[in-house]
C-alpha atoms as a PDB file:
ATOM      1  CA  MET A   1      27.443  -7.665  15.382  1.00  0.00           C
ATOM      2  CA  PRO A   2      26.999  -9.748  18.760  1.00  0.00           C
ATOM      3  CA  GLY A   3      24.548  -7.695  21.144  1.00  0.00           C
ATOM      4  CA  ASP A   4      21.102  -6.963  20.573  1.00  0.00           C
ATOM      5  CA  ALA A   5      21.551  -4.906  17.414  1.00  0.00           C
ATOM      6  CA  PRO A   6      18.757  -6.263  15.242  1.00  0.00           C
ATOM      7  CA  ALA A   7      19.656  -8.500  11.771  1.00  0.00           C
ATOM      8  CA  ALA A   8      19.872  -7.591   8.713  1.00  0.00           C
ATOM      9  CA  ASP A   9      16.398  -8.419   6.578  1.00  0.00           C
ATOM     10  CA  PHE A  10      17.603 -11.059   3.908  1.00  0.00           C
ATOM     11  CA  ALA A  11      16.104 -13.311   1.119  1.00  0.00           C
ATOM     12  CA  LEU A  12      17.282 -17.074  -0.327  1.00  0.00           C
ATOM     13  CA  SER A  13      16.457 -17.337  -3.940  1.00  0.00           C
ATOM     14  CA  ALA A  14      17.123 -20.746  -6.055  1.00  0.00           C
ATOM     15  CA  ILE A  15      15.883 -21.080 -10.203  1.00  0.00           C
ATOM     16  CA  ILE A  16      14.552 -24.711 -10.826  1.00  0.00           C
ATOM     17  CA  PHE A  17      14.854 -25.523 -14.483  1.00  0.00           C
ATOM     18  CA  ALA A  18      14.706 -28.953 -16.380  1.00  0.00           C
ATOM     19  CA  GLY A  19      15.920 -29.951 -20.219  1.00  0.00           C
ATOM     20  CA  PRO A  20      18.982 -28.383 -22.073  1.00  0.00           C
ATOM     21  CA  ARG A  21      16.455 -25.655 -23.627  1.00  0.00           C
ATOM     22  CA  ALA A  22      15.593 -23.823 -20.267  1.00  0.00           C
ATOM     23  CA  PHE A  23      19.535 -23.803 -19.913  1.00  0.00           C
ATOM     24  CA  ARG A  24      20.325 -22.463 -22.993  1.00  0.00           C
ATOM     25  CA  ASP A  25      17.322 -19.733 -22.650  1.00  0.00           C
ATOM     26  CA  LEU A  26      18.663 -18.662 -19.325  1.00  0.00           C
ATOM     27  CA  ALA A  27      22.516 -18.735 -20.336  1.00  0.00           C
ATOM     28  CA  ALA A  28      21.176 -16.472 -23.124  1.00  0.00           C
ATOM     29  CA  LEU A  29      19.639 -14.347 -20.710  1.00  0.00           C
ATOM     30  CA  ASP A  30      22.767 -14.126 -18.619  1.00  0.00           C
ATOM     31  CA  GLU A  31      24.449 -12.908 -21.865  1.00  0.00           C
ATOM     32  CA  CYS A  32      21.586 -10.466 -22.708  1.00  0.00           C
ATOM     33  CA  LEU A  33      22.129  -8.602 -19.234  1.00  0.00           C
ATOM     34  CA  GLN A  34      25.407  -8.769 -19.860  1.00  0.00           C
ATOM     35  CA  ARG A  35      25.054  -6.477 -22.929  1.00  0.00           C
ATOM     36  CA  ILE A  36      22.695  -4.994 -21.732  1.00  0.00           C
ATOM     37  CA  THR A  37      24.148  -3.145 -18.614  1.00  0.00           C
ATOM     38  CA  GLY A  38      27.713  -3.361 -19.925  1.00  0.00           C
ATOM     39  CA  ASP A  39      28.919  -5.650 -17.213  1.00  0.00           C
ATOM     40  CA  SER A  40      30.161  -9.225 -16.659  1.00  0.00           C
ATOM     41  CA  ASP A  41      28.914 -10.003 -13.605  1.00  0.00           C
ATOM     42  CA  TYR A  42      25.714  -7.244 -13.123  1.00  0.00           C
ATOM     43  CA  LYS A  43      23.824  -6.783  -9.873  1.00  0.00           C
ATOM     44  CA  TYR A  44      20.242  -6.583  -9.445  1.00  0.00           C
ATOM     45  CA  ARG A  45      20.636  -2.576  -8.960  1.00  0.00           C
ATOM     46  CA  ARG A  46      21.430  -2.258 -12.578  1.00  0.00           C
ATOM     47  CA  VAL A  47      19.242  -4.749 -13.720  1.00  0.00           C
ATOM     48  CA  ARG A  48      15.964  -3.253 -11.879  1.00  0.00           C
ATOM     49  CA  GLN A  49      16.838   0.657 -13.661  1.00  0.00           C
ATOM     50  CA  SER A  50      16.735  -1.214 -16.949  1.00  0.00           C
ATOM     51  CA  ASP A  51      13.472  -1.311 -18.924  1.00  0.00           C
ATOM     52  CA  ASP A  52      15.308  -3.325 -21.491  1.00  0.00           C
ATOM     53  CA  ALA A  53      17.145  -5.582 -18.514  1.00  0.00           C
ATOM     54  CA  ARG A  54      13.507  -5.978 -16.747  1.00  0.00           C
ATOM     55  CA  ARG A  55      11.545  -7.360 -19.918  1.00  0.00           C
ATOM     56  CA  ALA A  56      14.641  -9.701 -21.194  1.00  0.00           C
ATOM     57  CA  VAL A  57      14.163 -11.664 -17.304  1.00  0.00           C
ATOM     58  CA  ILE A  58      10.886 -12.258 -17.647  1.00  0.00           C
ATOM     59  CA  ASP A  59      10.677 -13.037 -21.541  1.00  0.00           C
ATOM     60  CA  THR A  60      12.636 -15.948 -20.530  1.00  0.00           C
ATOM     61  CA  LEU A  61      10.515 -17.104 -17.678  1.00  0.00           C
ATOM     62  CA  THR A  62       7.417 -16.598 -20.128  1.00  0.00           C
ATOM     63  CA  ARG A  63       8.887 -18.095 -23.030  1.00  0.00           C
ATOM     64  CA  GLN A  64       9.427 -21.084 -20.892  1.00  0.00           C
ATOM     65  CA  SER A  65       6.975 -21.292 -18.117  1.00  0.00           C
ATOM     66  CA  GLY A  66       6.963 -24.817 -17.715  1.00  0.00           C
ATOM     67  CA  LEU A  67      10.617 -25.443 -17.515  1.00  0.00           C
ATOM     68  CA  ILE A  68      11.732 -23.120 -15.246  1.00  0.00           C
ATOM     69  CA  ARG A  69      10.637 -22.303 -11.412  1.00  0.00           C
ATOM     70  CA  ILE A  70      11.637 -19.831  -8.867  1.00  0.00           C
ATOM     71  CA  PHE A  71      12.229 -20.720  -5.527  1.00  0.00           C
ATOM     72  CA  GLY A  72      11.757 -17.322  -3.158  1.00  0.00           C
ATOM     73  CA  TYR A  73      12.540 -16.899   0.945  1.00  0.00           C
ATOM     74  CA  TYR A  74      12.609 -13.732   2.465  1.00  0.00           C
ATOM     75  CA  ALA A  75      13.141 -13.361   6.649  1.00  0.00           C
ATOM     76  CA  ALA A  76      12.446  -9.392   7.895  1.00  0.00           C
ATOM     77  CA  GLY A  77      15.075  -8.443   9.933  1.00  0.00           C
ATOM     78  CA  GLY A  78      15.804  -9.600  13.487  1.00  0.00           C
ATOM     79  CA  ALA A  79      13.080 -11.947  12.687  1.00  0.00           C
ATOM     80  CA  PHE A  80      15.232 -15.176  13.801  1.00  0.00           C
ATOM     81  CA  VAL A  81      16.489 -13.371  16.551  1.00  0.00           C
ATOM     82  CA  GLU A  82      12.836 -12.786  18.263  1.00  0.00           C
ATOM     83  CA  GLN A  83      12.199 -16.486  17.448  1.00  0.00           C
ATOM     84  CA  ALA A  84      14.945 -17.554  19.788  1.00  0.00           C
ATOM     85  CA  ARG A  85      14.070 -15.324  22.293  1.00  0.00           C
ATOM     86  CA  ARG A  86      10.218 -16.575  22.112  1.00  0.00           C
ATOM     87  CA  GLU A  87      11.434 -20.463  22.273  1.00  0.00           C
ATOM     88  CA  LEU A  88      13.634 -19.919  26.066  1.00  0.00           C
ATOM     89  CA  HIS A  89      10.651 -17.731  26.922  1.00  0.00           C
ATOM     90  CA  ALA A  90       8.537 -20.846  26.280  1.00  0.00           C
ATOM     91  CA  VAL A  91      10.863 -23.423  27.925  1.00  0.00           C
ATOM     92  CA  LYS A  92      11.292 -21.350  30.922  1.00  0.00           C
ATOM     93  CA  SER A  93       7.528 -21.000  31.635  1.00  0.00           C
ATOM     94  CA  MET A  94       6.933 -24.592  30.953  1.00  0.00           C
ATOM     95  CA  ASP A  95       9.896 -25.716  33.062  1.00  0.00           C
ATOM     96  CA  ASN A  96      11.180 -28.004  30.713  1.00  0.00           C
ATOM     97  CA  GLY A  97      14.591 -28.088  33.142  1.00  0.00           C
ATOM     98  CA  PRO A  98      17.669 -26.749  32.894  1.00  0.00           C
ATOM     99  CA  ASP A  99      19.173 -28.969  30.274  1.00  0.00           C
ATOM    100  CA  GLU A 100      16.299 -27.595  28.232  1.00  0.00           C
ATOM    101  CA  VAL A 101      16.731 -24.002  29.219  1.00  0.00           C
ATOM    102  CA  SER A 102      20.548 -24.421  28.474  1.00  0.00           C
ATOM    103  CA  ARG A 103      19.762 -25.369  24.736  1.00  0.00           C
ATOM    104  CA  ALA A 104      17.655 -22.769  24.069  1.00  0.00           C
ATOM    105  CA  GLU A 105      20.182 -19.688  25.681  1.00  0.00           C
ATOM    106  CA  SER A 106      22.692 -21.371  23.738  1.00  0.00           C
ATOM    107  CA  ASN A 107      20.674 -21.558  20.684  1.00  0.00           C
ATOM    108  CA  LEU A 108      19.906 -17.634  20.958  1.00  0.00           C
ATOM    109  CA  ALA A 109      23.436 -16.829  21.930  1.00  0.00           C
ATOM    110  CA  LYS A 110      24.516 -18.191  18.761  1.00  0.00           C
ATOM    111  CA  ILE A 111      22.160 -16.173  17.041  1.00  0.00           C
ATOM    112  CA  LEU A 112      22.860 -12.659  18.097  1.00  0.00           C
ATOM    113  CA  ALA A 113      26.496 -13.533  17.536  1.00  0.00           C
ATOM    114  CA  ASP A 114      25.763 -14.080  13.787  1.00  0.00           C
ATOM    115  CA  PRO A 115      22.346 -13.420  13.080  1.00  0.00           C
ATOM    116  CA  ARG A 116      22.640 -13.801   9.249  1.00  0.00           C
ATOM    117  CA  ARG A 117      24.499 -17.331   9.078  1.00  0.00           C
ATOM    118  CA  GLU A 118      22.234 -18.713  11.486  1.00  0.00           C
ATOM    119  CA  GLY A 119      19.078 -17.385  10.139  1.00  0.00           C
ATOM    120  CA  LEU A 120      20.676 -18.882   6.586  1.00  0.00           C
ATOM    121  CA  ARG A 121      20.726 -22.420   8.715  1.00  0.00           C
ATOM    122  CA  ASP A 122      17.392 -22.051   9.260  1.00  0.00           C
ATOM    123  CA  ALA A 123      16.466 -20.805   6.040  1.00  0.00           C
ATOM    124  CA  ILE A 124      17.865 -23.986   4.567  1.00  0.00           C
ATOM    125  CA  THR A 125      16.027 -26.107   6.965  1.00  0.00           C
ATOM    126  CA  THR A 126      12.356 -24.420   5.890  1.00  0.00           C
ATOM    127  CA  SER A 127      13.293 -24.465   2.386  1.00  0.00           C
ATOM    128  CA  VAL A 128      15.035 -27.352   1.146  1.00  0.00           C
ATOM    129  CA  PRO A 129      12.244 -29.721   1.255  1.00  0.00           C
ATOM    130  CA  ALA A 130      10.280 -27.890  -0.486  1.00  0.00           C
ATOM    131  CA  VAL A 131      12.034 -28.836  -3.687  1.00  0.00           C
ATOM    132  CA  SER A 132      11.586 -32.700  -3.233  1.00  0.00           C
ATOM    133  CA  PRO A 133       7.295 -32.841  -3.581  1.00  0.00           C
ATOM    134  CA  TRP A 134       7.857 -30.685  -6.557  1.00  0.00           C
ATOM    135  CA  ALA A 135      10.656 -33.445  -7.970  1.00  0.00           C
ATOM    136  CA  ALA A 136       8.738 -35.846  -6.959  1.00  0.00           C
ATOM    137  CA  SER A 137       5.893 -35.314  -8.764  1.00  0.00           C
ATOM    138  CA  ARG A 138       7.336 -35.237 -12.162  1.00  0.00           C
ATOM    139  CA  LYS A 139       9.698 -38.103 -11.631  1.00  0.00           C
ATOM    140  CA  GLN A 140      12.522 -35.875 -12.091  1.00  0.00           C
ATOM    141  CA  ARG A 141      15.721 -35.678 -10.079  1.00  0.00           C
ATOM    142  CA  ILE A 142      17.401 -32.371  -9.501  1.00  0.00           C
ATOM    143  CA  LYS A 143      20.624 -31.125  -9.051  1.00  0.00           C
ATOM    144  CA  VAL A 144      21.334 -29.171  -6.357  1.00  0.00           C
ATOM    145  CA  CYS A 145      24.579 -26.599  -6.234  1.00  0.00           C
ATOM    146  CA  PHE A 146      24.882 -22.995  -4.777  1.00  0.00           C
ATOM    147  CA  ASP A 147      26.580 -19.531  -5.915  1.00  0.00           C
ATOM    148  CA  ASP A 148      30.316 -19.654  -3.705  1.00  0.00           C
ATOM    149  CA  ARG A 149      30.150 -15.602  -4.017  1.00  0.00           C
ATOM    150  CA  THR A 150      27.160 -15.681  -1.314  1.00  0.00           C
ATOM    151  CA  ASP A 151      27.012 -16.423   2.425  1.00  0.00           C
ATOM    152  CA  LEU A 152      25.545 -20.065   1.090  1.00  0.00           C
ATOM    153  CA  ALA A 153      28.988 -20.903   1.256  1.00  0.00           C
ATOM    154  CA  SER A 154      29.686 -21.033   4.838  1.00  0.00           C
ATOM    155  CA  ILE A 155      26.851 -23.410   5.513  1.00  0.00           C
ATOM    156  CA  ALA A 156      27.383 -25.691   2.767  1.00  0.00           C
ATOM    157  CA  ALA A 157      27.759 -28.246   4.826  1.00  0.00           C
ATOM    158  CA  ASP A 158      24.016 -27.871   6.636  1.00  0.00           C
ATOM    159  CA  LEU A 159      22.628 -27.635   3.302  1.00  0.00           C
ATOM    160  CA  LYS A 160      24.199 -30.588   2.203  1.00  0.00           C
ATOM    161  CA  LYS A 161      23.073 -32.209   5.496  1.00  0.00           C
ATOM    162  CA  MET A 162      19.244 -30.930   4.746  1.00  0.00           C
ATOM    163  CA  ILE A 163      19.178 -32.653   1.400  1.00  0.00           C
ATOM    164  CA  ASP A 164      20.428 -36.087   2.485  1.00  0.00           C
ATOM    165  CA  PHE A 165      17.462 -35.460   4.875  1.00  0.00           C
ATOM    166  CA  SER A 166      15.367 -34.784   2.436  1.00  0.00           C
ATOM    167  CA  ASN A 167      16.223 -37.710   0.221  1.00  0.00           C
ATOM    168  CA  ARG A 168      15.016 -39.783   3.206  1.00  0.00           C
ATOM    169  CA  VAL A 169      11.671 -38.738   3.839  1.00  0.00           C
ATOM    170  CA  GLU A 170       8.733 -40.109   2.148  1.00  0.00           C
ATOM    171  CA  ILE A 171       6.646 -38.534  -0.726  1.00  0.00           C
ATOM    172  CA  TRP A 172       3.363 -40.088  -0.841  1.00  0.00           C
ATOM    173  CA  GLY A 173       4.366 -43.550   0.502  1.00  0.00           C
ATOM    174  CA  GLU A 174       7.792 -43.629  -1.491  1.00  0.00           C
ATOM    175  CA  ALA A 175      10.962 -42.381  -0.684  1.00  0.00           C
ATOM    176  CA  TYR A 176      13.369 -41.419  -3.404  1.00  0.00           C
ATOM    177  CA  ARG A 177      16.185 -39.562  -3.476  1.00  0.00           C
ATOM    178  CA  TRP A 178      14.986 -36.895  -5.774  1.00  0.00           C
ATOM    179  CA  MET A 179      18.191 -34.255  -5.386  1.00  0.00           C
ATOM    180  CA  ASP A 180      21.928 -34.407  -6.128  1.00  0.00           C
ATOM    181  CA  TRP A 181      23.943 -32.340  -3.798  1.00  0.00           C
ATOM    182  CA  ILE A 182      26.907 -31.045  -6.423  1.00  0.00           C
ATOM    183  CA  GLY A 183      28.024 -28.692  -4.070  1.00  0.00           C
ATOM    184  CA  PRO A 184      29.563 -25.051  -5.401  1.00  0.00           C
ATOM    185  CA  CYS A 185      28.263 -23.960  -8.528  1.00  0.00           C
ATOM    186  CA  PRO A 186      30.071 -25.255 -11.770  1.00  0.00           C
ATOM    187  CA  THR A 187      31.738 -23.237 -14.400  1.00  0.00           C
ATOM    188  CA  GLU A 188      29.130 -24.090 -16.732  1.00  0.00           C
ATOM    189  CA  PHE A 189      26.304 -22.844 -14.437  1.00  0.00           C
ATOM    190  CA  ALA A 190      27.453 -19.782 -13.199  1.00  0.00           C
ATOM    191  CA  PRO A 191      25.329 -17.771 -15.896  1.00  0.00           C
ATOM    192  CA  ILE A 192      22.316 -19.195 -14.184  1.00  0.00           C
ATOM    193  CA  ALA A 193      23.735 -18.061 -10.637  1.00  0.00           C
ATOM    194  CA  ARG A 194      24.143 -14.753 -11.784  1.00  0.00           C
ATOM    195  CA  VAL A 195      20.337 -14.310 -13.228  1.00  0.00           C
ATOM    196  CA  ALA A 196      19.591 -15.947  -9.812  1.00  0.00           C
ATOM    197  CA  ASP A 197      20.836 -13.298  -8.088  1.00  0.00           C
ATOM    198  CA  VAL A 198      19.060 -10.828  -9.336  1.00  0.00           C
ATOM    199  CA  LEU A 199      15.673 -13.005  -8.714  1.00  0.00           C
ATOM    200  CA  VAL A 200      16.839 -13.049  -5.263  1.00  0.00           C
ATOM    201  CA  GLY A 201      17.498  -8.999  -5.291  1.00  0.00           C
ATOM    202  CA  ASP A 202      13.911  -8.599  -6.489  1.00  0.00           C
ATOM    203  CA  PHE A 203      12.696 -11.057  -4.338  1.00  0.00           C
ATOM    204  CA  ARG A 204      14.146  -9.335  -1.355  1.00  0.00           C
ATOM    205  CA  ALA A 205      12.821  -6.068  -2.311  1.00  0.00           C
ATOM    206  CA  THR A 206       9.525  -6.740  -3.030  1.00  0.00           C
ATOM    207  CA  PHE A 207       9.169  -8.078   0.652  1.00  0.00           C
ATOM    208  CA  LYS A 208      11.308  -5.593   2.284  1.00  0.00           C
ATOM    209  CA  LYS A 209       8.495  -2.624   0.477  1.00  0.00           C
ATOM    210  CA  TYR A 210       5.299  -4.943   0.800  1.00  0.00           C
ATOM    211  CA  GLY A 211       6.175  -7.342   3.443  1.00  0.00           C
ATOM    212  CA  THR A 212       3.511  -4.871   6.121  1.00  0.00           C
ATOM    213  CA  VAL A 213       0.384  -5.842   4.558  1.00  0.00           C
ATOM    214  CA  ILE A 214       1.665  -9.640   5.064  1.00  0.00           C
ATOM    215  CA  TRP A 215       3.054  -9.212   8.931  1.00  0.00           C
ATOM    216  CA  ARG A 216      -0.174  -7.261  10.250  1.00  0.00           C
ATOM    217  CA  LEU A 217      -2.105 -10.544   9.146  1.00  0.00           C
ATOM    218  CA  VAL A 218       0.392 -12.295  11.518  1.00  0.00           C
ATOM    219  CA  ALA A 219      -0.684 -13.465  14.839  1.00  0.00           C
ATOM    220  CA  SER A 220       2.247 -12.602  16.384  1.00  0.00           C
ATOM    221  CA  ASP A 221       1.382 -14.682  19.985  1.00  0.00           C
ATOM    222  CA  GLY A 222       1.191 -17.693  17.853  1.00  0.00           C
ATOM    223  CA  PHE A 223      -2.186 -18.581  18.240  1.00  0.00           C
ATOM    224  CA  VAL A 224      -4.732 -18.261  15.019  1.00  0.00           C
ATOM    225  CA  ARG A 225      -7.971 -17.704  16.382  1.00  0.00           C
ATOM    226  CA  ARG A 226      -9.359 -15.958  13.081  1.00  0.00           C
ATOM    227  CA  HIS A 227      -9.396 -18.891  10.827  1.00  0.00           C
ATOM    228  CA  GLN A 228      -8.852 -22.583  11.086  1.00  0.00           C
ATOM    229  CA  GLU A 229      -8.660 -24.061   7.583  1.00  0.00           C
ATOM    230  CA  ALA A 230      -5.732 -25.683   7.289  1.00  0.00           C
ATOM    231  CA  ILE A 231      -3.588 -25.564   4.118  1.00  0.00           C
ATOM    232  CA  ALA A 232      -4.260 -27.410   1.275  1.00  0.00           C
ATOM    233  CA  ALA A 233      -1.496 -28.392  -0.520  1.00  0.00           C
ATOM    234  CA  PRO A 234      -0.244 -31.469  -1.312  1.00  0.00           C
ATOM    235  CA  ASP A 235       2.519 -30.229  -3.342  1.00  0.00           C
ATOM    236  CA  SER A 236       4.217 -28.679   0.419  1.00  0.00           C
ATOM    237  CA  PHE A 237       6.406 -30.715   2.204  1.00  0.00           C
ATOM    238  CA  TRP A 238       5.280 -28.959   5.241  1.00  0.00           C
ATOM    239  CA  SER A 239       1.848 -28.694   5.422  1.00  0.00           C
ATOM    240  CA  GLY A 240       1.673 -32.592   5.782  1.00  0.00           C
ATOM    241  CA  LEU A 241       3.670 -32.229   8.915  1.00  0.00           C
ATOM    242  CA  MET A 242       1.873 -29.430  11.090  1.00  0.00           C
ATOM    243  CA  PRO A 243      -1.394 -28.120   9.454  1.00  0.00           C
ATOM    244  CA  MET A 244      -1.570 -24.549   8.865  1.00  0.00           C
ATOM    245  CA  PRO A 245      -3.990 -21.938   9.634  1.00  0.00           C
ATOM    246  CA  ARG A 246      -4.943 -19.234   6.845  1.00  0.00           C
ATOM    247  CA  ILE A 247      -4.883 -16.173   8.494  1.00  0.00           C
ATOM    248  CA  GLY A 248      -5.822 -13.516   5.714  1.00  0.00           C
ATOM    249  CA  PHE A 249      -5.905 -13.102   1.431  1.00  0.00           C
ATOM    250  CA  VAL A 250      -2.882 -10.808   0.100  1.00  0.00           C
ATOM    251  CA  SER A 251      -4.491  -9.581  -3.324  1.00  0.00           C
ATOM    252  CA  ASP A 252      -2.285  -8.871  -6.593  1.00  0.00           C
ATOM    253  CA  ASP A 253      -3.395  -5.512  -6.733  1.00  0.00           C
ATOM    254  CA  THR A 254      -0.735  -4.929  -3.673  1.00  0.00           C
ATOM    255  CA  TRP A 255       2.231  -5.711  -5.636  1.00  0.00           C
ATOM    256  CA  ASP A 256       3.987  -3.051  -8.277  1.00  0.00           C
ATOM    257  CA  LYS A 257       1.875  -3.109 -11.485  1.00  0.00           C
ATOM    258  CA  ASP A 258       4.610  -1.381 -13.913  1.00  0.00           C
ATOM    259  CA  TRP A 259       7.083  -3.850 -13.645  1.00  0.00           C
ATOM    260  CA  LYS A 260       8.186  -3.357 -17.126  1.00  0.00           C
ATOM    261  CA  SER A 261       9.587   0.264 -16.673  1.00  0.00           C
ATOM    262  CA  GLY A 262      13.276   0.915 -14.924  1.00  0.00           C
ATOM    263  CA  SER A 263      13.463   1.979 -11.706  1.00  0.00           C
ATOM    264  CA  THR A 264      14.737   1.912  -8.170  1.00  0.00           C
ATOM    265  CA  GLN A 265      11.519   1.957  -6.386  1.00  0.00           C
ATOM    266  CA  THR A 266       9.366  -0.538  -8.236  1.00  0.00           C
ATOM    267  CA  THR A 267       9.776  -4.644  -8.417  1.00  0.00           C
ATOM    268  CA  MET A 268       9.665  -7.523 -11.048  1.00  0.00           C
ATOM    269  CA  PHE A 269       7.021  -9.603  -8.816  1.00  0.00           C
ATOM    270  CA  ASN A 270       3.783  -9.410 -10.318  1.00  0.00           C
ATOM    271  CA  ALA A 271       5.293 -10.941 -13.360  1.00  0.00           C
ATOM    272  CA  TYR A 272       7.289 -13.524 -12.486  1.00  0.00           C
ATOM    273  CA  ARG A 273       5.017 -14.519  -9.721  1.00  0.00           C
ATOM    274  CA  PRO A 274       2.654 -17.477 -11.864  1.00  0.00           C
ATOM    275  CA  TYR A 275       6.363 -19.102 -11.960  1.00  0.00           C
ATOM    276  CA  LEU A 276       7.171 -19.424  -8.334  1.00  0.00           C
ATOM    277  CA  LEU A 277       7.742 -23.272  -7.074  1.00  0.00           C
ATOM    278  CA  ASN A 278       4.384 -24.859  -6.142  1.00  0.00           C
ATOM    279  CA  GLY A 279       2.980 -21.683  -6.487  1.00  0.00           C
ATOM    280  CA  MET A 280       4.209 -20.371  -3.194  1.00  0.00           C
ATOM    281  CA  ALA A 281       6.726 -18.613  -0.874  1.00  0.00           C
ATOM    282  CA  THR A 282       8.242 -18.639   2.496  1.00  0.00           C
ATOM    283  CA  LEU A 283       8.276 -15.591   4.664  1.00  0.00           C
ATOM    284  CA  PHE A 284       9.156 -14.871   8.306  1.00  0.00           C
ATOM    285  CA  SER A 285       7.749 -11.437  10.071  1.00  0.00           C
ATOM    286  CA  PRO A 286       9.678  -9.309  12.367  1.00  0.00           C
ATOM    287  CA  CYS A 287       8.470 -11.359  15.480  1.00  0.00           C
ATOM    288  CA  GLY A 288       9.777 -14.157  14.309  1.00  0.00           C
ATOM    289  CA  ARG A 289       6.902 -16.079  12.819  1.00  0.00           C
ATOM    290  CA  GLY A 290       6.831 -18.212   9.355  1.00  0.00           C
ATOM    291  CA  CYS A 291       4.102 -18.091   6.705  1.00  0.00           C
ATOM    292  CA  LEU A 292       3.353 -19.037   3.269  1.00  0.00           C
ATOM    293  CA  LEU A 293       2.141 -17.363   0.807  1.00  0.00           C
ATOM    294  CA  LYS A 294       0.076 -19.907  -1.572  1.00  0.00           C
ATOM    295  CA  ALA A 295      -0.703 -18.718  -5.109  1.00  0.00           C
ATOM    296  CA  ILE A 296      -4.562 -18.492  -5.850  1.00  0.00           C
ATOM    297  CA  ALA A 297      -6.572 -16.572  -8.738  1.00  0.00           C
ATOM    298  CA  GLY A 298      -6.028 -13.026  -7.912  1.00  0.00           C
ATOM    299  CA  GLY A 299      -3.418 -13.469  -5.050  1.00  0.00           C
ATOM    300  CA  PHE A 300      -2.350 -15.201  -2.491  1.00  0.00           C
ATOM    301  CA  ASP A 301      -3.873 -17.114   0.736  1.00  0.00           C
ATOM    302  CA  VAL A 302      -1.479 -16.525   3.662  1.00  0.00           C
ATOM    303  CA  PHE A 303      -1.197 -19.084   5.972  1.00  0.00           C
ATOM    304  CA  GLN A 304       0.827 -19.358   9.598  1.00  0.00           C
ATOM    305  CA  MET A 305       3.265 -22.043  10.420  1.00  0.00           C
ATOM    306  CA  MET A 306       2.477 -22.980  14.017  1.00  0.00           C
ATOM    307  CA  ASP A 307       5.258 -23.050  16.731  1.00  0.00           C
END
């Protein structure tokens, strides 16, 4: 709602898969989840409560470990409102002139009016380019479609624009069109969209529960003094544009260990973390600071985006 009410947290997820075998297994997983839950349009909460459904999800990902990757993005409630407020304060304090102040004020007003929609716009800007290096490293084109049952339908034009931008950016000295825009999810991909809906629910539940472990590492003033080790990840689009200081480490002991048992209190993250795209996850803290988790042995290094 408009005003100063804090926005709800949200997550964005995608399944990136290659080849007919992975497609068949994901479609079979969808059929399996329909059968287990007794619902042709099952949701995460039903899958989460079932031992059999959880095992089916992870067994499929494990069996196709080289052909399926998961992109995950999470923003804590109010993250983009705080980011916009910080930008406005910075513009005013640097005396950048009335035009820049007006632009920053307009941006904050838009976010306050519809924080979820504007937050998704920012999520698309941050996340879409992460796919290009992965596709380029494998010399494999990716067809991009979205589930039009979700909020992404409201920003489809922005999503297409970001894909067009990513296709023009040089990766390792070459600018190829690695992503093809499809638009709303075709009927044949509907089963995979339902599986992706389960994963986005689990990703959101994970960082809603454990986000504070990461947020306490984030420097809310934007100046990271404790560490100056820049991220070393050639498969990260953003790391090539802006160095990201390492701010800490999060152990795999953080996440729920019993991912197999159906429960409303635990998530499956510890089981599918090996299949994260580029071994990374993108997060935004309640103070509006972005950070990347980069998988290493035993956990994740945490890097903070600078602004």
